[in-house]
C-alpha atoms as a PDB file:
ATOM      1  CA  MET A   1     172.550 -30.771 153.642  1.00  0.00           C
ATOM      2  CA  LYS A   2     175.376 -32.494 151.808  1.00  0.00           C
ATOM      3  CA  PHE A   3     176.249 -36.179 151.688  1.00  0.00           C
ATOM      4  CA  GLY A   4     179.755 -37.567 151.720  1.00  0.00           C
ATOM      5  CA  ILE A   5     181.614 -40.851 151.529  1.00  0.00           C
ATOM      6  CA  THR A   6     184.625 -42.006 153.520  1.00  0.00           C
ATOM      7  CA  LEU A   7     186.958 -44.780 152.404  1.00  0.00           C
ATOM      8  CA  PHE A   8     189.287 -46.440 154.902  1.00  0.00           C
ATOM      9  CA  THR A   9     192.067 -46.498 152.326  1.00  0.00           C
ATOM     10  CA  SER A  10     194.491 -49.396 152.299  1.00  0.00           C
ATOM     11  CA  ASP A  11     196.657 -51.408 149.939  1.00  0.00           C
ATOM     12  CA  ARG A  12     193.800 -53.821 149.263  1.00  0.00           C
ATOM     13  CA  GLY A  13     190.259 -53.658 147.941  1.00  0.00           C
ATOM     14  CA  ILE A  14     188.847 -50.927 145.756  1.00  0.00           C
ATOM     15  CA  SER A  15     191.299 -48.244 144.673  1.00  0.00           C
ATOM     16  CA  PRO A  16     190.668 -44.708 145.969  1.00  0.00           C
ATOM     17  CA  THR A  17     190.415 -43.353 142.424  1.00  0.00           C
ATOM     18  CA  ALA A  18     187.741 -45.874 141.437  1.00  0.00           C
ATOM     19  CA  ALA A  19     185.870 -45.260 144.688  1.00  0.00           C
ATOM     20  CA  ALA A  20     185.979 -41.472 144.321  1.00  0.00           C
ATOM     21  CA  ARG A  21     184.890 -41.569 140.677  1.00  0.00           C
ATOM     22  CA  GLY A  22     182.004 -43.803 141.714  1.00  0.00           C
ATOM     23  CA  ALA A  23     181.043 -41.458 144.527  1.00  0.00           C
ATOM     24  CA  GLU A  24     181.145 -38.441 142.226  1.00  0.00           C
ATOM     25  CA  ASP A  25     179.103 -40.229 139.568  1.00  0.00           C
ATOM     26  CA  CYS A  26     176.488 -41.042 142.223  1.00  0.00           C
ATOM     27  CA  GLY A  27     176.206 -37.380 143.240  1.00  0.00           C
ATOM     28  CA  PHE A  28     178.029 -37.412 146.568  1.00  0.00           C
ATOM     29  CA  ASP A  29     179.546 -34.120 147.658  1.00  0.00           C
ATOM     30  CA  THR A  30     182.743 -35.037 149.507  1.00  0.00           C
ATOM     31  CA  PHE A  31     185.202 -37.928 149.585  1.00  0.00           C
ATOM     32  CA  TYR A  32     187.122 -38.413 152.840  1.00  0.00           C
ATOM     33  CA  VAL A  33     190.219 -40.472 153.635  1.00  0.00           C
ATOM     34  CA  PRO A  34     192.022 -41.108 156.970  1.00  0.00           C
ATOM     35  CA  GLU A  35     195.645 -40.863 158.096  1.00  0.00           C
ATOM     36  CA  HIS A  36     198.048 -42.950 160.145  1.00  0.00           C
ATOM     37  CA  THR A  37     201.748 -42.814 159.316  1.00  0.00           C
ATOM     38  CA  HIS A  38     202.375 -46.112 161.125  1.00  0.00           C
ATOM     39  CA  ILE A  39     201.052 -48.160 164.047  1.00  0.00           C
ATOM     40  CA  PRO A  40     203.591 -49.095 166.731  1.00  0.00           C
ATOM     41  CA  VAL A  41     203.356 -52.808 167.495  1.00  0.00           C
ATOM     42  CA  LYS A  42     203.617 -52.213 171.237  1.00  0.00           C
ATOM     43  CA  ARG A  43     201.135 -49.613 172.389  1.00  0.00           C
ATOM     44  CA  ASP A  44     199.717 -48.297 175.629  1.00  0.00           C
ATOM     45  CA  ALA A  45     197.127 -46.027 173.993  1.00  0.00           C
ATOM     46  CA  ALA A  46     193.552 -47.348 174.028  1.00  0.00           C
ATOM     47  CA  HIS A  47     191.525 -47.189 170.835  1.00  0.00           C
ATOM     48  CA  PRO A  48     188.283 -45.212 171.372  1.00  0.00           C
ATOM     49  CA  GLN A  49     186.126 -48.034 169.975  1.00  0.00           C
ATOM     50  CA  THR A  50     187.739 -51.066 171.604  1.00  0.00           C
ATOM     51  CA  GLY A  51     188.720 -49.418 174.884  1.00  0.00           C
ATOM     52  CA  ASP A  52     192.131 -51.109 174.904  1.00  0.00           C
ATOM     53  CA  GLU A  53     195.230 -51.508 172.734  1.00  0.00           C
ATOM     54  CA  THR A  54     193.498 -53.750 170.195  1.00  0.00           C
ATOM     55  CA  LEU A  55     192.493 -52.318 166.819  1.00  0.00           C
ATOM     56  CA  PRO A  56     188.996 -52.734 165.350  1.00  0.00           C
ATOM     57  CA  ASP A  57     190.342 -53.040 161.802  1.00  0.00           C
ATOM     58  CA  ASP A  58     193.687 -54.143 160.399  1.00  0.00           C
ATOM     59  CA  ARG A  59     193.508 -51.364 157.821  1.00  0.00           C
ATOM     60  CA  TYR A  60     194.882 -49.031 160.506  1.00  0.00           C
ATOM     61  CA  MET A  61     198.303 -50.501 159.779  1.00  0.00           C
ATOM     62  CA  ARG A  62     197.768 -50.406 155.993  1.00  0.00           C
ATOM     63  CA  THR A  63     196.501 -46.835 155.554  1.00  0.00           C
ATOM     64  CA  LEU A  64     197.595 -44.956 152.431  1.00  0.00           C
ATOM     65  CA  ASP A  65     199.093 -41.489 152.613  1.00  0.00           C
ATOM     66  CA  PRO A  66     196.115 -39.101 152.452  1.00  0.00           C
ATOM     67  CA  TRP A  67     197.730 -36.351 150.391  1.00  0.00           C
ATOM     68  CA  VAL A  68     199.108 -38.621 147.693  1.00  0.00           C
ATOM     69  CA  THR A  69     195.728 -40.360 147.634  1.00  0.00           C
ATOM     70  CA  LEU A  70     193.736 -37.142 147.313  1.00  0.00           C
ATOM     71  CA  GLY A  71     196.119 -35.887 144.638  1.00  0.00           C
ATOM     72  CA  SER A  72     195.429 -38.972 142.559  1.00  0.00           C
ATOM     73  CA  ILE A  73     191.700 -38.487 143.098  1.00  0.00           C
ATOM     74  CA  ALA A  74     191.895 -34.829 142.078  1.00  0.00           C
ATOM     75  CA  ALA A  75     193.302 -35.906 138.718  1.00  0.00           C
ATOM     76  CA  VAL A  76     190.313 -38.146 137.879  1.00  0.00           C
ATOM     77  CA  THR A  77     187.398 -36.124 139.317  1.00  0.00           C
ATOM     78  CA  GLN A  78     185.904 -32.724 138.585  1.00  0.00           C
ATOM     79  CA  ARG A  79     183.492 -31.732 141.323  1.00  0.00           C
ATOM     80  CA  ILE A  80     183.657 -33.815 144.487  1.00  0.00           C
ATOM     81  CA  GLU A  81     185.394 -32.194 147.461  1.00  0.00           C
ATOM     82  CA  LEU A  82     188.573 -33.836 148.773  1.00  0.00           C
ATOM     83  CA  GLY A  83     188.602 -34.303 152.536  1.00  0.00           C
ATOM     84  CA  THR A  84     190.482 -35.953 155.384  1.00  0.00           C
ATOM     85  CA  ALA A  85     188.652 -37.714 158.193  1.00  0.00           C
ATOM     86  CA  VAL A  86     190.918 -37.229 159.815  1.00  0.00           C
ATOM     87  CA  ALA A  87     194.467 -36.049 159.139  1.00  0.00           C
ATOM     88  CA  LEU A  88     197.102 -35.654 161.850  1.00  0.00           C
ATOM     89  CA  PRO A  89     198.955 -32.413 161.034  1.00  0.00           C
ATOM     90  CA  VAL A  90     201.247 -32.574 164.075  1.00  0.00           C
ATOM     91  CA  GLU A  91     202.953 -35.630 162.567  1.00  0.00           C
ATOM     92  CA  HIS A  92     204.372 -33.398 159.818  1.00  0.00           C
ATOM     93  CA  ASP A  93     206.459 -30.290 159.351  1.00  0.00           C
ATOM     94  CA  PRO A  94     203.866 -27.470 159.249  1.00  0.00           C
ATOM     95  CA  ILE A  95     205.567 -25.425 156.520  1.00  0.00           C
ATOM     96  CA  THR A  96     205.861 -28.435 154.238  1.00  0.00           C
ATOM     97  CA  LEU A  97     202.322 -29.573 155.015  1.00  0.00           C
ATOM     98  CA  ALA A  98     200.961 -26.115 154.251  1.00  0.00           C
ATOM     99  CA  LYS A  99     202.652 -26.307 150.839  1.00  0.00           C
ATOM    100  CA  THR A 100     201.244 -29.792 150.186  1.00  0.00           C
ATOM    101  CA  ILE A 101     197.687 -28.773 151.045  1.00  0.00           C
ATOM    102  CA  ALA A 102     197.895 -25.494 149.115  1.00  0.00           C
ATOM    103  CA  THR A 103     199.206 -27.360 146.071  1.00  0.00           C
ATOM    104  CA  LEU A 104     196.384 -29.904 146.267  1.00  0.00           C
ATOM    105  CA  ASP A 105     193.849 -27.095 146.590  1.00  0.00           C
ATOM    106  CA  HIS A 106     195.381 -25.260 143.623  1.00  0.00           C
ATOM    107  CA  LEU A 107     195.438 -28.328 141.394  1.00  0.00           C
ATOM    108  CA  SER A 108     191.922 -29.387 142.385  1.00  0.00           C
ATOM    109  CA  ASP A 109     190.457 -25.897 141.858  1.00  0.00           C
ATOM    110  CA  GLY A 110     189.631 -25.254 145.517  1.00  0.00           C
ATOM    111  CA  ARG A 111     188.149 -28.570 146.611  1.00  0.00           C
ATOM    112  CA  VAL A 112     190.098 -29.345 149.814  1.00  0.00           C
ATOM    113  CA  VAL A 113     188.412 -29.908 153.199  1.00  0.00           C
ATOM    114  CA  LEU A 114     190.843 -30.341 156.102  1.00  0.00           C
ATOM    115  CA  GLY A 115     189.489 -32.686 158.738  1.00  0.00           C
ATOM    116  CA  VAL A 116     191.946 -32.947 161.637  1.00  0.00           C
ATOM    117  CA  GLY A 117     192.300 -34.870 164.874  1.00  0.00           C
ATOM    118  CA  TYR A 118     194.288 -34.457 168.061  1.00  0.00           C
ATOM    119  CA  GLY A 119     195.434 -38.082 167.745  1.00  0.00           C
ATOM    120  CA  TRP A 120     194.209 -40.940 169.957  1.00  0.00           C
ATOM    121  CA  ASN A 121     197.310 -43.062 169.288  1.00  0.00           C
ATOM    122  CA  LEU A 122     199.754 -41.473 171.705  1.00  0.00           C
ATOM    123  CA  ASP A 123     202.412 -44.071 170.852  1.00  0.00           C
ATOM    124  CA  GLU A 124     202.233 -43.040 167.199  1.00  0.00           C
ATOM    125  CA  LEU A 125     202.474 -39.374 168.164  1.00  0.00           C
ATOM    126  CA  ALA A 126     205.453 -40.059 170.424  1.00  0.00           C
ATOM    127  CA  ASP A 127     207.403 -41.416 167.459  1.00  0.00           C
ATOM    128  CA  HIS A 128     206.873 -38.006 165.854  1.00  0.00           C
ATOM    129  CA  ASN A 129     208.110 -36.241 169.012  1.00  0.00           C
ATOM    130  CA  VAL A 130     204.651 -34.917 169.842  1.00  0.00           C
ATOM    131  CA  PRO A 131     204.202 -34.425 173.618  1.00  0.00           C
ATOM    132  CA  ALA A 132     200.876 -36.025 174.504  1.00  0.00           C
ATOM    133  CA  GLY A 133     199.892 -33.335 176.976  1.00  0.00           C
ATOM    134  CA  ARG A 134     200.552 -30.547 174.482  1.00  0.00           C
ATOM    135  CA  ARG A 135     199.116 -31.993 171.296  1.00  0.00           C
ATOM    136  CA  ARG A 136     196.104 -29.652 171.294  1.00  0.00           C
ATOM    137  CA  THR A 137     198.322 -26.585 171.618  1.00  0.00           C
ATOM    138  CA  MET A 138     200.622 -27.973 168.954  1.00  0.00           C
ATOM    139  CA  LEU A 139     197.701 -28.534 166.574  1.00  0.00           C
ATOM    140  CA  ARG A 140     196.406 -25.014 167.182  1.00  0.00           C
ATOM    141  CA  GLU A 141     199.795 -23.532 166.323  1.00  0.00           C
ATOM    142  CA  TYR A 142     200.107 -25.680 163.205  1.00  0.00           C
ATOM    143  CA  LEU A 143     196.723 -24.525 161.947  1.00  0.00           C
ATOM    144  CA  GLU A 144     197.442 -20.874 162.709  1.00  0.00           C
ATOM    145  CA  ALA A 145     200.834 -21.051 161.005  1.00  0.00           C
ATOM    146  CA  MET A 146     199.431 -22.802 157.938  1.00  0.00           C
ATOM    147  CA  ARG A 147     196.626 -20.237 157.639  1.00  0.00           C
ATOM    148  CA  ALA A 148     199.232 -17.486 157.732  1.00  0.00           C
ATOM    149  CA  LEU A 149     201.162 -19.146 154.901  1.00  0.00           C
ATOM    150  CA  TRP A 150     197.950 -19.587 152.928  1.00  0.00           C
ATOM    151  CA  THR A 151     196.657 -16.022 153.301  1.00  0.00           C
ATOM    152  CA  GLU A 152     199.498 -13.557 153.922  1.00  0.00           C
ATOM    153  CA  GLU A 153     201.905 -12.187 151.328  1.00  0.00           C
ATOM    154  CA  GLU A 154     204.730 -12.270 153.878  1.00  0.00           C
ATOM    155  CA  ALA A 155     203.831 -14.813 156.532  1.00  0.00           C
ATOM    156  CA  ALA A 156     205.537 -15.279 159.895  1.00  0.00           C
ATOM    157  CA  TYR A 157     204.768 -17.211 163.065  1.00  0.00           C
ATOM    158  CA  ASP A 158     206.290 -17.267 166.537  1.00  0.00           C
ATOM    159  CA  GLY A 159     204.895 -19.977 168.781  1.00  0.00           C
ATOM    160  CA  GLU A 160     206.002 -22.716 171.132  1.00  0.00           C
ATOM    161  CA  PHE A 161     206.126 -25.417 168.448  1.00  0.00           C
ATOM    162  CA  VAL A 162     206.232 -23.410 165.199  1.00  0.00           C
ATOM    163  CA  LYS A 163     208.591 -20.545 164.467  1.00  0.00           C
ATOM    164  CA  PHE A 164     209.537 -18.912 161.178  1.00  0.00           C
ATOM    165  CA  GLY A 165     210.311 -15.384 160.064  1.00  0.00           C
ATOM    166  CA  PRO A 166     208.713 -13.382 157.255  1.00  0.00           C
ATOM    167  CA  SER A 167     208.403 -15.747 154.316  1.00  0.00           C
ATOM    168  CA  TRP A 168     206.887 -16.041 150.856  1.00  0.00           C
ATOM    169  CA  ALA A 169     204.841 -19.118 150.054  1.00  0.00           C
ATOM    170  CA  TRP A 170     202.763 -19.747 146.970  1.00  0.00           C
ATOM    171  CA  PRO A 171     200.441 -21.062 145.691  1.00  0.00           C
ATOM    172  CA  LYS A 172     197.752 -19.620 147.888  1.00  0.00           C
ATOM    173  CA  PRO A 173     194.672 -21.849 148.129  1.00  0.00           C
ATOM    174  CA  LYS A 174     191.782 -20.797 145.947  1.00  0.00           C
ATOM    175  CA  ARG A 175     189.679 -21.357 149.056  1.00  0.00           C
ATOM    176  CA  VAL A 176     191.321 -21.504 152.482  1.00  0.00           C
ATOM    177  CA  PRO A 177     190.443 -25.094 153.407  1.00  0.00           C
ATOM    178  CA  PRO A 178     187.732 -25.281 156.064  1.00  0.00           C
ATOM    179  CA  VAL A 179     189.069 -27.003 159.192  1.00  0.00           C
ATOM    180  CA  LEU A 180     186.814 -29.608 160.785  1.00  0.00           C
ATOM    181  CA  VAL A 181     187.815 -31.345 164.024  1.00  0.00           C
ATOM    182  CA  GLY A 182     187.037 -35.025 164.435  1.00  0.00           C
ATOM    183  CA  ALA A 183     186.577 -35.549 168.166  1.00  0.00           C
ATOM    184  CA  ALA A 184     184.063 -36.453 170.848  1.00  0.00           C
ATOM    185  CA  GLY A 185     181.198 -34.015 171.177  1.00  0.00           C
ATOM    186  CA  ASN A 186     181.941 -32.497 174.576  1.00  0.00           C
ATOM    187  CA  GLU A 187     182.389 -28.999 175.973  1.00  0.00           C
ATOM    188  CA  LYS A 188     186.196 -29.116 175.975  1.00  0.00           C
ATOM    189  CA  ASN A 189     186.371 -30.057 172.309  1.00  0.00           C
ATOM    190  CA  PHE A 190     183.635 -27.625 171.323  1.00  0.00           C
ATOM    191  CA  ASN A 191     185.452 -24.761 173.067  1.00  0.00           C
ATOM    192  CA  TRP A 192     188.551 -25.675 171.042  1.00  0.00           C
ATOM    193  CA  ILE A 193     186.565 -25.834 167.793  1.00  0.00           C
ATOM    194  CA  VAL A 194     184.914 -22.470 168.397  1.00  0.00           C
ATOM    195  CA  ARG A 195     188.319 -20.879 168.942  1.00  0.00           C
ATOM    196  CA  SER A 196     190.375 -22.600 166.262  1.00  0.00           C
ATOM    197  CA  ALA A 197     188.277 -24.388 163.620  1.00  0.00           C
ATOM    198  CA  ASP A 198     185.282 -24.143 161.332  1.00  0.00           C
ATOM    199  CA  GLY A 199     183.304 -27.164 162.425  1.00  0.00           C
ATOM    200  CA  TRP A 200     183.022 -30.637 163.903  1.00  0.00           C
ATOM    201  CA  ILE A 201     183.137 -34.213 162.595  1.00  0.00           C
ATOM    202  CA  THR A 202     181.477 -36.720 164.896  1.00  0.00           C
ATOM    203  CA  THR A 203     183.239 -39.897 165.965  1.00  0.00           C
ATOM    204  CA  PRO A 204     181.954 -43.297 164.778  1.00  0.00           C
ATOM    205  CA  ILE A 205     180.707 -44.067 168.299  1.00  0.00           C
ATOM    206  CA  GLU A 206     178.969 -40.724 168.868  1.00  0.00           C
ATOM    207  CA  GLN A 207     175.576 -40.825 170.588  1.00  0.00           C
ATOM    208  CA  ASN A 208     172.930 -38.131 171.224  1.00  0.00           C
ATOM    209  CA  VAL A 209     174.038 -36.100 168.229  1.00  0.00           C
ATOM    210  CA  ASP A 210     171.002 -33.805 168.388  1.00  0.00           C
ATOM    211  CA  ASP A 211     171.860 -32.368 171.810  1.00  0.00           C
ATOM    212  CA  ARG A 212     175.507 -31.970 170.908  1.00  0.00           C
ATOM    213  CA  VAL A 213     174.728 -30.138 167.687  1.00  0.00           C
ATOM    214  CA  LYS A 214     172.732 -27.611 169.701  1.00  0.00           C
ATOM    215  CA  LEU A 215     175.544 -27.271 172.272  1.00  0.00           C
ATOM    216  CA  LEU A 216     178.100 -26.451 169.579  1.00  0.00           C
ATOM    217  CA  GLN A 217     175.747 -23.993 167.908  1.00  0.00           C
ATOM    218  CA  ASP A 218     175.127 -22.224 171.237  1.00  0.00           C
ATOM    219  CA  LYS A 219     178.849 -21.955 171.956  1.00  0.00           C
ATOM    220  CA  TRP A 220     179.448 -20.678 168.418  1.00  0.00           C
ATOM    221  CA  ALA A 221     176.852 -17.946 168.877  1.00  0.00           C
ATOM    222  CA  ALA A 222     178.131 -17.022 172.351  1.00  0.00           C
ATOM    223  CA  ALA A 223     181.616 -16.521 170.907  1.00  0.00           C
ATOM    224  CA  ASP A 224     180.196 -14.185 168.213  1.00  0.00           C
ATOM    225  CA  ARG A 225     181.530 -16.362 165.408  1.00  0.00           C
ATOM    226  CA  ASP A 226     180.092 -15.468 162.034  1.00  0.00           C
ATOM    227  CA  GLY A 227     177.619 -17.819 160.405  1.00  0.00           C
ATOM    228  CA  GLU A 228     177.096 -21.341 161.691  1.00  0.00           C
ATOM    229  CA  PRO A 229     179.562 -24.153 162.430  1.00  0.00           C
ATOM    230  CA  GLN A 230     179.923 -26.872 159.847  1.00  0.00           C
ATOM    231  CA  ILE A 231     178.671 -30.112 161.374  1.00  0.00           C
ATOM    232  CA  VAL A 232     179.558 -33.411 159.705  1.00  0.00           C
ATOM    233  CA  VAL A 233     177.880 -36.512 161.118  1.00  0.00           C
ATOM    234  CA  LEU A 234     179.192 -40.026 160.484  1.00  0.00           C
ATOM    235  CA  ASP A 235     176.130 -42.204 159.974  1.00  0.00           C
ATOM    236  CA  GLY A 236     175.582 -45.950 159.682  1.00  0.00           C
ATOM    237  CA  LYS A 237     172.423 -46.715 157.729  1.00  0.00           C
ATOM    238  CA  PRO A 238     170.308 -43.898 156.296  1.00  0.00           C
ATOM    239  CA  ASP A 239     166.993 -43.285 157.994  1.00  0.00           C
ATOM    240  CA  VAL A 240     165.011 -40.597 156.198  1.00  0.00           C
ATOM    241  CA  GLU A 241     163.222 -39.230 159.243  1.00  0.00           C
ATOM    242  CA  LYS A 242     166.457 -38.955 161.206  1.00  0.00           C
ATOM    243  CA  LEU A 243     168.212 -37.310 158.265  1.00  0.00           C
ATOM    244  CA  ALA A 244     165.409 -34.802 157.821  1.00  0.00           C
ATOM    245  CA  ARG A 245     165.611 -33.984 161.536  1.00  0.00           C
ATOM    246  CA  TRP A 246     169.376 -33.499 161.338  1.00  0.00           C
ATOM    247  CA  ARG A 247     168.948 -31.245 158.330  1.00  0.00           C
ATOM    248  CA  ASP A 248     166.498 -29.099 160.263  1.00  0.00           C
ATOM    249  CA  LEU A 249     168.849 -28.985 163.275  1.00  0.00           C
ATOM    250  CA  GLY A 250     171.637 -27.547 161.140  1.00  0.00           C
ATOM    251  CA  VAL A 251     173.739 -30.592 160.313  1.00  0.00           C
ATOM    252  CA  THR A 252     175.585 -29.584 157.153  1.00  0.00           C
ATOM    253  CA  GLU A 253     176.769 -32.988 155.925  1.00  0.00           C
ATOM    254  CA  VAL A 254     176.191 -36.677 156.612  1.00  0.00           C
ATOM    255  CA  VAL A 255     178.944 -39.151 155.708  1.00  0.00           C
ATOM    256  CA  TYR A 256     178.756 -42.881 155.057  1.00  0.00           C
ATOM    257  CA  GLY A 257     181.568 -45.419 155.068  1.00  0.00           C
ATOM    258  CA  MET A 258     182.295 -47.816 152.235  1.00  0.00           C
ATOM    259  CA  PRO A 259     182.313 -51.575 152.812  1.00  0.00           C
ATOM    260  CA  ASP A 260     185.656 -53.357 152.598  1.00  0.00           C
ATOM    261  CA  LYS A 261     184.681 -55.326 149.506  1.00  0.00           C
ATOM    262  CA  SER A 262     185.465 -55.661 145.814  1.00  0.00           C
ATOM    263  CA  GLU A 263     185.122 -52.794 143.368  1.00  0.00           C
ATOM    264  CA  ASP A 264     181.902 -54.147 141.853  1.00  0.00           C
ATOM    265  CA  GLU A 265     180.314 -54.599 145.273  1.00  0.00           C
ATOM    266  CA  VAL A 266     181.376 -51.154 146.486  1.00  0.00           C
ATOM    267  CA  LEU A 267     180.100 -49.378 143.375  1.00  0.00           C
ATOM    268  CA  ALA A 268     176.783 -51.223 143.673  1.00  0.00           C
ATOM    269  CA  TYR A 269     176.564 -50.115 147.304  1.00  0.00           C
ATOM    270  CA  LEU A 270     177.168 -46.479 146.305  1.00  0.00           C
ATOM    271  CA  ASP A 271     174.393 -46.693 143.727  1.00  0.00           C
ATOM    272  CA  ARG A 272     171.930 -48.108 146.265  1.00  0.00           C
ATOM    273  CA  LEU A 273     172.905 -45.538 148.900  1.00  0.00           C
ATOM    274  CA  SER A 274     172.577 -42.679 146.443  1.00  0.00           C
ATOM    275  CA  GLY A 275     169.083 -43.845 145.550  1.00  0.00           C
ATOM    276  CA  LYS A 276     168.026 -43.850 149.196  1.00  0.00           C
ATOM    277  CA  LEU A 277     169.315 -40.304 149.664  1.00  0.00           C
ATOM    278  CA  ALA A 278     168.008 -38.862 146.399  1.00  0.00           C
ATOM    279  CA  GLY A 279     164.891 -37.315 147.855  1.00  0.00           C
ATOM    280  CA  LEU A 280     166.698 -35.531 150.647  1.00  0.00           C
ATOM    281  CA  ARG A 281     169.331 -34.306 148.233  1.00  0.00           C
ATOM    282  CA  GLU A 282     166.557 -32.776 146.153  1.00  0.00           C
ATOM    283  CA  GLY A 283     165.052 -31.133 149.234  1.00  0.00           C
ATOM    284  CA  SER A 284     162.011 -33.378 149.610  1.00  0.00           C
ATOM    285  CA  ASP A 285     160.536 -33.861 153.050  1.00  0.00           C
ATOM    286  CA  ALA A 286     160.807 -37.142 154.936  1.00  0.00           C
ATOM    287  CA  ALA A 287     157.319 -38.267 153.988  1.00  0.00           C
ATOM    288  CA  THR A 288     157.998 -37.842 150.294  1.00  0.00           C
ATOM    289  CA  VAL A 289     161.297 -39.706 150.525  1.00  0.00           C
ATOM    290  CA  ALA A 290     159.776 -42.545 152.558  1.00  0.00           C
ATOM    291  CA  SER A 291     157.088 -43.076 149.949  1.00  0.00           C
ATOM    292  CA  ARG A 292     159.622 -43.808 147.204  1.00  0.00           C
END
């Protein structure tokens, strides 16, 4: 089981490059950043955490571009994977986005992980001409078209939202980025993941993760998908017994958020968190870890 870090990037606090270097130095496996192009001042869409139009954090309106951010991180790190939690592909041109992601993967030597969302902020999506009732179909087409550009010598796509004729597009990713969907753990979303993605990222308010992990695994097997789904769980505070149980259930990665504090405080937090996870990272059982 891997361990990752997510930074709610903004134009204040610790820089993403300093945070990612710190995470890599502490042995974390993946560094995730979010995406919002903008936040309309007047909104009807309810935030999943607050249940209404209010935002739980003002960093939503200050979020850095994820691809520029991850590019800067790629230049100052060597090993840590570069992920989005989550990106909103339908707010972009799919051909251009495919080029951006392939370039990042090429320059980072195959370290990209593509976490995507359908988009809870329907007002934001509307400004990008995304029809709310078709955003899942639109996302599926974007992913299929981008995979074609990443893997085929002469790629083409003919869908409802994406159309292009036979085309050349290089570079090809060293590793086709795994696609993880950040969404509620329900049957509708799991059916979509099994058809169109490689795994699931839990939401910050997710409950009963154990049962939902098993549900996704069962659907994966019933669809005759190869291997196992990647399952990334957003956790609050590490509990060694819970983490050992998740590892045994088939959770592939657990991700922790960074506090919105100064660089010194954040780096100290990463060091403490890494120490708490060291035993599990080395494969020790819960009892061994708890005794440390």
